[in-house]
């Protein structure tokens, strides 16, 4: 037989198609890319097919659901009555320009048109930022602004109407914003840009703590609810909160220190006392969800973060007990002279269980659950303004895009 005939009758070569050409396999592969701003935009540059998958709304919903928790992409630095500055905590190519999410508090259009009123940053949660418009001292709540930094959408809300015994327009308030699906375990936050939200106002004065909740679904405020607190008339609400289940918690400071708890289902506030021996001598006091429930952290002068947890005994009585202690001085790779005595702990994000530590070598972000840390700034951004605060911002955000991942 002719050798050429034998070669022609041989079996055809195996299929050399790439596994990524499989229309069912490609989405599964892209699904496992890290939830970073550059992941999907870079994948979409490979070819038309990859771009179609990466831009498909159904795939984007699966991508967010697969990763469950939106990553911390940056922090908001509140310098009070000036600029709400955004700083990315990611490395290139995921770093987001500061101007993308920064906001001039004295340049907001649509509210506080009187020259005597100013906007005050109150916090961020679930991809939203909340600010209140008050008088020239930042006191009271005449208006609320809910801002989505990713989409740029701004919602202006008039403050609650005055009550016979209380006027929110003259009170020292704190405000929080959250997605209405906060208690839904199957919901993925940080990608829910069209989901209805709630705004919560709280204040404490004359031995009474009050709360009021706004719903974007109804477009109205609920009733003002109140509870008595065991503190003097100079009581005030802390600027940070934690969300545990469907309840928000804040510190109450005054002649003593306690926690204000607000059940978002009943909208009824309640006061919880703290153990005096735990808080009588500390370098910082912060709310925390480390441990899965309501807790707080005290930071000592020797940089030890002590966690306290609220537990329920066999008799049904609730109390506090000390849990783990985290030695920040041993965790961070610093020499003794590299610690600073000025505002060592810049803040603790209780929902994310992240602590921000300032040193002479720069500022570090420490994840208390994993004990992983990262240097995010070469110097303390609050060196010249020690009353400012730092707040992490989490979102499924695609770099180079004007639309979010959702």
Protein backbone atom coordinates (compact mmCIF):
# COMPACT_ATOMS: atom_id res chain seq x y z
CA UNK A 1 0.00 0.00 0.00
CA UNK A 2 1.12 3.46 -0.79
CA UNK A 3 2.54 5.14 2.38
CA UNK A 4 0.74 8.33 1.40
CA UNK A 5 -2.57 6.42 1.37
CA UNK A 6 -1.87 5.16 4.89
CA UNK A 7 -1.30 8.72 6.10
CA UNK A 8 -4.52 9.94 4.46
CA UNK A 9 -6.59 7.17 6.07
CA UNK A 10 -5.21 7.84 9.57
CA UNK A 11 -7.65 9.19 12.24
CA UNK A 12 -8.10 13.00 12.33
CA UNK A 13 -6.05 15.00 14.86
CA UNK A 14 -7.66 15.64 18.26
CA UNK A 15 -9.76 18.78 18.79
CA UNK A 16 -7.43 21.60 19.82
CA UNK A 17 -10.19 23.98 20.96
CA UNK A 18 -9.47 25.75 24.22
CA UNK A 19 -11.60 24.84 27.28
CA UNK A 20 -12.56 28.51 27.49
CA UNK A 21 -14.36 28.14 24.14
CA UNK A 22 -16.96 26.03 25.95
CA UNK A 23 -19.89 28.40 26.44
CA UNK A 24 -20.82 26.67 29.72
CA UNK A 25 -17.32 26.43 31.15
CA UNK A 26 -16.16 30.00 30.51
CA UNK A 27 -18.63 31.64 32.95
CA UNK A 28 -17.59 29.15 35.64
CA UNK A 29 -13.94 30.10 35.16
CA UNK A 30 -14.59 33.85 35.20
CA UNK A 31 -16.79 33.39 38.26
CA UNK A 32 -13.68 32.42 40.23
CA UNK A 33 -11.68 35.54 39.45
CA UNK A 34 -10.96 37.60 42.59
CA UNK A 35 -13.53 40.28 43.41
CA UNK A 36 -11.20 43.15 42.58
CA UNK A 37 -12.04 46.26 40.53
CA UNK A 38 -9.77 45.24 37.64
CA UNK A 39 -10.65 41.52 37.37
CA UNK A 40 -13.63 41.56 35.02
CA UNK A 41 -12.60 44.64 32.99
CA UNK A 42 -9.24 43.00 32.21
CA UNK A 43 -10.92 39.68 31.37
CA UNK A 44 -13.27 41.47 28.96
CA UNK A 45 -10.25 42.62 26.91
CA UNK A 46 -9.32 39.04 25.93
CA UNK A 47 -11.91 38.68 23.18
CA UNK A 48 -15.51 39.41 22.25
CA UNK A 49 -16.84 36.22 23.87
CA UNK A 50 -15.19 37.01 27.22
CA UNK A 51 -16.48 40.57 27.03
CA UNK A 52 -20.05 39.34 26.49
CA UNK A 53 -19.88 37.05 29.52
CA UNK A 54 -18.23 39.63 31.80
CA UNK A 55 -20.88 42.25 30.92
CA UNK A 56 -23.89 39.95 31.21
CA UNK A 57 -26.15 41.15 34.10
CA UNK A 58 -27.07 37.59 35.09
CA UNK A 59 -23.39 36.62 35.28
CA UNK A 60 -22.59 39.74 37.33
CA UNK A 61 -25.27 38.78 39.86
CA UNK A 62 -23.76 35.28 40.08
CA UNK A 63 -20.27 36.78 40.45
CA UNK A 64 -21.34 38.85 43.46
CA UNK A 65 -23.28 35.96 44.99
CA UNK A 66 -20.27 33.66 44.58
CA UNK A 67 -17.98 36.01 46.51
CA UNK A 68 -20.70 36.82 49.09
CA UNK A 69 -18.97 39.81 50.72
CA UNK A 70 -17.96 42.92 48.85
CA UNK A 71 -14.25 43.75 49.30
CA UNK A 72 -13.00 46.88 51.06
CA UNK A 73 -11.89 49.01 48.11
CA UNK A 74 -11.00 52.15 50.05
CA UNK A 75 -11.72 54.41 52.99
CA UNK A 76 -13.52 57.70 53.46
CA UNK A 77 -11.60 60.28 55.48
CA UNK A 78 -13.91 62.76 57.15
CA UNK A 79 -12.07 66.01 57.79
CA UNK A 80 -15.23 67.71 59.14
CA UNK A 81 -16.97 70.55 57.29
CA UNK A 82 -14.60 70.36 54.37
CA UNK A 83 -13.94 67.45 52.07
CA UNK A 84 -15.11 63.88 52.38
CA UNK A 85 -11.98 62.38 50.88
CA UNK A 86 -11.76 58.89 49.42
CA UNK A 87 -8.48 56.94 49.48
CA UNK A 88 -8.06 53.58 47.80
CA UNK A 89 -6.43 50.83 49.87
CA UNK A 90 -5.72 48.62 46.84
CA UNK A 91 -2.58 48.27 44.77
CA UNK A 92 -2.40 48.90 41.00
CA UNK A 93 -4.16 47.96 38.76
CA UNK A 94 -7.04 47.92 41.29
CA UNK A 95 -6.32 51.31 42.83
CA UNK A 96 -9.21 53.75 42.37
CA UNK A 97 -8.44 57.48 41.90
CA UNK A 98 -9.44 59.56 44.92
CA UNK A 99 -11.46 61.96 42.79
CA UNK A 100 -13.77 59.11 41.69
CA UNK A 101 -15.52 58.95 45.09
CA UNK A 102 -14.57 62.18 46.90
CA UNK A 103 -17.17 64.79 47.78
CA UNK A 104 -16.95 68.44 48.84
CA UNK A 105 -19.33 68.87 51.77
CA UNK A 106 -19.55 72.61 51.15
CA UNK A 107 -20.38 72.11 47.47
CA UNK A 108 -23.39 69.78 47.66
CA UNK A 109 -26.23 71.02 45.47
CA UNK A 110 -29.84 70.29 46.21
CA UNK A 111 -30.04 70.93 49.94
CA UNK A 112 -28.93 73.15 52.84
CA UNK A 113 -29.27 76.19 50.58
CA UNK A 114 -29.17 78.53 53.55
CA UNK A 115 -25.70 79.88 54.23
CA UNK A 116 -26.21 79.04 57.90
CA UNK A 117 -26.45 75.27 57.33
CA UNK A 118 -23.72 72.68 56.79
CA UNK A 119 -23.52 69.00 55.86
CA UNK A 120 -21.99 66.42 58.21
CA UNK A 121 -20.76 62.96 57.21
CA UNK A 122 -22.35 60.26 59.39
CA UNK A 123 -21.20 56.93 57.97
CA UNK A 124 -21.45 54.35 55.20
CA UNK A 125 -22.86 50.85 54.93
CA UNK A 126 -23.99 48.50 52.15
CA UNK A 127 -22.42 50.68 49.46
CA UNK A 128 -24.25 53.85 50.57
CA UNK A 129 -23.09 57.02 52.35
CA UNK A 130 -25.32 59.09 54.64
CA UNK A 131 -24.93 62.78 55.55
CA UNK A 132 -27.14 65.11 57.58
CA UNK A 133 -27.74 68.81 57.00
CA UNK A 134 -27.95 70.86 60.21
CA UNK A 135 -27.27 74.32 61.56
CA UNK A 136 -23.97 76.20 61.37
CA UNK A 137 -22.54 73.94 64.12
CA UNK A 138 -23.64 70.72 62.41
CA UNK A 139 -26.35 70.25 65.05
CA UNK A 140 -29.75 68.85 64.22
CA UNK A 141 -31.16 67.11 61.17
CA UNK A 142 -33.01 69.36 58.76
CA UNK A 143 -32.18 67.19 55.77
CA UNK A 144 -30.61 63.82 54.98
CA UNK A 145 -28.52 62.98 51.93
CA UNK A 146 -28.09 59.34 50.89
CA UNK A 147 -25.33 59.07 48.29
CA UNK A 148 -24.28 56.06 46.20
CA UNK A 149 -20.62 56.80 45.29
CA UNK A 150 -20.54 54.10 42.60
CA UNK A 151 -23.57 55.27 40.60
CA UNK A 152 -23.34 58.90 41.74
CA UNK A 153 -27.04 58.95 42.68
CA UNK A 154 -28.01 61.40 45.46
CA UNK A 155 -31.29 61.24 47.38
CA UNK A 156 -32.34 64.25 49.49
CA UNK A 157 -34.78 63.62 52.33
CA UNK A 158 -36.41 66.18 54.61
CA UNK A 159 -35.79 65.56 58.31
CA UNK A 160 -38.51 64.12 60.58
CA UNK A 161 -41.29 66.57 61.46
CA UNK A 162 -41.04 68.17 64.94
CA UNK A 163 -42.85 66.46 67.80
CA UNK A 164 -44.50 68.15 70.81
CA UNK A 165 -41.68 66.95 73.07
CA UNK A 166 -38.79 66.71 70.58
CA UNK A 167 -37.39 68.53 67.54
CA UNK A 168 -34.89 66.60 65.43
CA UNK A 169 -33.82 69.88 63.87
CA UNK A 170 -32.21 70.97 67.16
CA UNK A 171 -30.83 67.68 68.50
CA UNK A 172 -27.28 66.30 68.43
CA UNK A 173 -27.99 63.40 66.07
CA UNK A 174 -26.28 60.39 64.63
CA UNK A 175 -27.48 58.80 61.39
CA UNK A 176 -27.03 55.42 59.72
CA UNK A 177 -28.07 54.01 56.37
CA UNK A 178 -28.61 50.38 55.46
CA UNK A 179 -30.20 48.20 52.81
CA UNK A 180 -33.70 46.99 53.66
CA UNK A 181 -32.47 43.41 53.16
CA UNK A 182 -30.01 43.77 56.06
CA UNK A 183 -31.43 40.73 57.88
CA UNK A 184 -31.63 38.54 54.76
CA UNK A 185 -28.80 35.99 54.83
CA UNK A 186 -29.19 35.29 51.10
CA UNK A 187 -28.79 38.92 50.05
CA UNK A 188 -25.42 40.21 48.79
CA UNK A 189 -24.60 43.75 49.91
CA UNK A 190 -22.30 46.09 48.01
CA UNK A 191 -24.01 45.29 44.71
CA UNK A 192 -27.59 46.24 45.59
CA UNK A 193 -27.59 49.73 44.10
CA UNK A 194 -31.29 49.73 43.27
CA UNK A 195 -32.47 48.11 46.52
CA UNK A 196 -34.66 50.19 48.88
CA UNK A 197 -32.90 51.53 51.99
CA UNK A 198 -33.55 52.76 55.50
CA UNK A 199 -32.14 55.79 57.29
CA UNK A 200 -31.94 55.67 61.09
CA UNK A 201 -31.63 58.76 63.29
CA UNK A 202 -30.72 58.52 66.99
CA UNK A 203 -29.98 61.02 69.75
CA UNK A 204 -29.74 61.14 73.54
CA UNK A 205 -30.53 64.03 75.86
CA UNK A 206 -32.18 64.62 79.25
CA UNK A 207 -31.93 60.94 80.24
CA UNK A 208 -33.83 59.87 77.11
CA UNK A 209 -32.56 58.21 73.94
CA UNK A 210 -34.70 58.58 70.82
CA UNK A 211 -34.79 56.97 67.39
CA UNK A 212 -36.65 57.47 64.13
CA UNK A 213 -36.50 55.36 60.93
CA UNK A 214 -37.07 56.48 57.33
CA UNK A 215 -38.09 53.99 54.63
CA UNK A 216 -37.41 54.69 50.96
CA UNK A 217 -40.17 52.20 50.13
CA UNK A 218 -42.85 54.38 51.75
CA UNK A 219 -40.99 57.67 51.37
CA UNK A 220 -41.79 58.63 54.96
CA UNK A 221 -40.46 58.66 58.53
CA UNK A 222 -41.84 56.37 61.18
CA UNK A 223 -42.78 57.39 64.72
CA UNK A 224 -40.15 58.76 67.08
CA UNK A 225 -39.49 56.06 69.71
CA UNK A 226 -37.70 56.56 73.04
CA UNK A 227 -36.18 54.81 76.04
CA UNK A 228 -34.70 56.04 79.33
CA UNK A 229 -30.93 55.94 79.81
CA UNK A 230 -28.95 56.11 83.04
CA UNK A 231 -26.79 59.04 82.04
CA UNK A 232 -26.79 62.76 82.64
CA UNK A 233 -28.14 65.48 80.36
CA UNK A 234 -24.82 65.71 78.51
CA UNK A 235 -25.25 62.23 77.03
CA UNK A 236 -24.39 61.79 73.36
CA UNK A 237 -24.40 58.98 70.82
CA UNK A 238 -21.13 57.59 69.45
CA UNK A 239 -20.31 58.21 65.80
CA UNK A 240 -19.96 54.53 64.85
CA UNK A 241 -22.45 51.68 64.92
CA UNK A 242 -22.51 47.93 64.37
CA UNK A 243 -25.22 45.85 62.74
CA UNK A 244 -25.92 42.47 64.37
CA UNK A 245 -28.77 40.54 62.78
CA UNK A 246 -31.42 43.18 62.25
CA UNK A 247 -30.40 45.43 65.16
CA UNK A 248 -28.14 48.49 65.21
CA UNK A 249 -25.96 49.38 68.19
CA UNK A 250 -24.20 52.61 69.26
CA UNK A 251 -22.27 53.72 72.31
CA UNK A 252 -23.93 56.21 74.66
CA UNK A 253 -21.42 58.49 76.38
CA UNK A 254 -22.14 60.66 79.41
CA UNK A 255 -21.67 60.27 83.16
CA UNK A 256 -21.42 56.58 82.32
CA UNK A 257 -21.04 54.52 79.16
CA UNK A 258 -23.62 52.18 77.70
CA UNK A 259 -24.89 50.81 74.40
CA UNK A 260 -28.06 51.84 72.63
CA UNK A 261 -29.70 48.94 70.77
CA UNK A 262 -32.35 49.46 68.10
CA UNK A 263 -34.38 46.51 66.81
CA UNK A 264 -35.23 47.48 63.22
CA UNK A 265 -38.25 45.15 63.18
CA UNK A 266 -39.99 46.74 66.16
CA UNK A 267 -38.10 50.07 65.89
CA UNK A 268 -37.98 50.16 69.70
CA UNK A 269 -34.67 51.30 71.29
CA UNK A 270 -33.20 49.81 74.46
CA UNK A 271 -30.20 50.72 76.65
CA UNK A 272 -27.54 48.18 77.67
CA UNK A 273 -25.06 48.90 80.46
CA UNK A 274 -21.34 48.07 80.17
CA UNK A 275 -19.12 46.59 82.91
CA UNK A 276 -17.35 49.44 84.68
CA UNK A 277 -14.18 47.42 85.30
CA UNK A 278 -13.77 46.86 81.55
CA UNK A 279 -13.93 50.50 80.52
CA UNK A 280 -12.52 52.41 83.49
CA UNK A 281 -9.04 52.74 82.01
CA UNK A 282 -8.45 52.48 78.28
CA UNK A 283 -6.81 54.19 75.31
CA UNK A 284 -9.81 53.64 73.04
CA UNK A 285 -13.28 52.07 73.10
CA UNK A 286 -14.81 50.56 69.97
CA UNK A 287 -17.83 48.45 69.02
CA UNK A 288 -17.14 45.11 67.37
CA UNK A 289 -18.90 42.08 65.88
CA UNK A 290 -15.80 39.90 66.31
CA UNK A 291 -17.14 36.66 67.73
CA UNK A 292 -20.40 36.85 65.80
CA UNK A 293 -22.45 38.97 68.19
CA UNK A 294 -22.49 42.26 70.07
CA UNK A 295 -19.11 43.15 71.52
CA UNK A 296 -16.68 45.95 72.16
CA UNK A 297 -12.92 46.39 72.15
CA UNK A 298 -10.82 48.35 74.60
CA UNK A 299 -7.29 49.37 73.59
CA UNK A 300 -4.72 49.76 76.37
CA UNK A 301 -1.71 52.07 76.52
CA UNK A 302 0.56 49.14 75.60
CA UNK A 303 -1.41 48.50 72.35
CA UNK A 304 -3.40 45.45 73.50
CA UNK A 305 -6.91 45.21 72.00
CA UNK A 306 -9.16 43.36 74.47
CA UNK A 307 -12.44 41.97 73.15
CA UNK A 308 -15.53 41.76 75.38
CA UNK A 309 -18.60 39.75 74.31
CA UNK A 310 -22.20 39.91 75.45
CA UNK A 311 -23.42 36.44 76.36
CA UNK A 312 -26.57 34.89 77.79
CA UNK A 313 -26.16 32.52 80.74
CA UNK A 314 -28.07 29.33 81.48
CA UNK A 315 -30.47 31.35 83.60
CA UNK A 316 -31.30 33.59 80.65
CA UNK A 317 -29.53 36.62 82.10
CA UNK A 318 -27.27 38.60 79.75
CA UNK A 319 -23.81 39.70 80.77
CA UNK A 320 -20.32 40.53 79.55
CA UNK A 321 -17.18 38.41 79.51
CA UNK A 322 -13.63 39.05 78.26
CA UNK A 323 -12.63 37.09 75.15
CA UNK A 324 -9.47 37.20 73.06
CA UNK A 325 -6.74 39.77 73.50
CA UNK A 326 -4.82 40.98 70.43
CA UNK A 327 -1.33 42.34 70.98
CA UNK A 328 -0.99 44.89 68.22
CA UNK A 329 2.58 45.62 69.34
CA UNK A 330 3.59 42.06 68.43
CA UNK A 331 1.37 41.71 65.38
CA UNK A 332 2.83 44.61 63.38
CA UNK A 333 6.51 44.45 62.33
CA UNK A 334 7.54 47.61 64.20
CA UNK A 335 10.40 48.62 66.42
CA UNK A 336 9.61 50.36 69.74
CA UNK A 337 10.47 53.80 68.39
CA UNK A 338 8.16 53.40 65.41
CA UNK A 339 4.98 53.60 67.46
CA UNK A 340 3.39 57.00 67.92
CA UNK A 341 1.67 58.36 71.01
CA UNK A 342 -0.67 60.52 68.92
CA UNK A 343 -3.92 58.82 67.91
CA UNK A 344 -2.41 55.34 67.65
CA UNK A 345 -5.78 53.76 66.80
CA UNK A 346 -7.52 55.87 64.15
CA UNK A 347 -10.68 53.80 64.32
CA UNK A 348 -12.29 50.36 64.31
CA UNK A 349 -14.90 49.35 61.73
CA UNK A 350 -17.10 47.05 63.80
CA UNK A 351 -19.07 45.51 60.93
CA UNK A 352 -15.87 44.65 59.03
CA UNK A 353 -13.78 43.96 62.17
CA UNK A 354 -10.96 46.08 60.81
CA UNK A 355 -8.76 48.30 62.97
CA UNK A 356 -6.75 51.23 61.60
CA UNK A 357 -3.46 51.85 63.37
CA UNK A 358 -1.20 54.89 62.98
CA UNK A 359 2.55 54.51 63.44
CA UNK A 360 5.69 56.45 62.59
CA UNK A 361 6.11 54.05 59.66
CA UNK A 362 2.66 54.81 58.27
CA UNK A 363 -0.94 53.71 58.75
CA UNK A 364 -1.93 50.03 58.77
CA UNK A 365 -5.24 48.26 58.24
CA UNK A 366 -5.51 45.12 60.39
CA UNK A 367 -8.20 42.47 59.79
CA UNK A 368 -8.94 41.19 63.28
CA UNK A 369 -10.52 37.92 62.12
CA UNK A 370 -7.54 36.76 60.04
CA UNK A 371 -4.81 38.85 61.75
CA UNK A 372 -3.67 39.95 58.28
CA UNK A 373 -2.50 43.52 57.93
CA UNK A 374 -1.59 45.92 55.18
CA UNK A 375 0.13 49.27 55.08
CA UNK A 376 -2.32 51.66 53.43
CA UNK A 377 -0.68 55.09 53.95
CA UNK A 378 2.91 56.21 54.29
CA UNK A 379 1.86 58.67 56.97
CA UNK A 380 -1.11 59.34 59.22
CA UNK A 381 -3.62 61.34 57.11
CA UNK A 382 -4.99 62.86 60.32
CA UNK A 383 -1.67 64.15 61.65
CA UNK A 384 -2.92 67.74 61.34
CA UNK A 385 -6.56 67.03 62.19
CA UNK A 386 -6.88 64.57 65.06
CA UNK A 387 -10.68 64.91 65.38
CA UNK A 388 -11.30 63.36 61.94
CA UNK A 389 -12.49 59.81 61.36
CA UNK A 390 -11.84 56.95 58.94
CA UNK A 391 -14.51 54.66 57.48
CA UNK A 392 -13.96 51.66 55.15
CA UNK A 393 -16.04 51.46 51.98
CA UNK A 394 -16.95 48.07 50.48
CA UNK A 395 -18.33 47.53 46.99
CA UNK A 396 -18.30 45.27 43.95
CA UNK A 397 -16.89 47.96 41.70
CA UNK A 398 -15.48 47.50 38.19
CA UNK A 399 -12.53 49.83 37.51
CA UNK A 400 -12.81 51.97 34.41
CA UNK A 401 -16.57 51.58 34.33
CA UNK A 402 -19.30 54.06 35.14
CA UNK A 403 -21.62 51.23 36.15
CA UNK A 404 -21.26 48.90 39.14
CA UNK A 405 -21.09 45.15 39.19
CA UNK A 406 -24.52 43.86 40.21
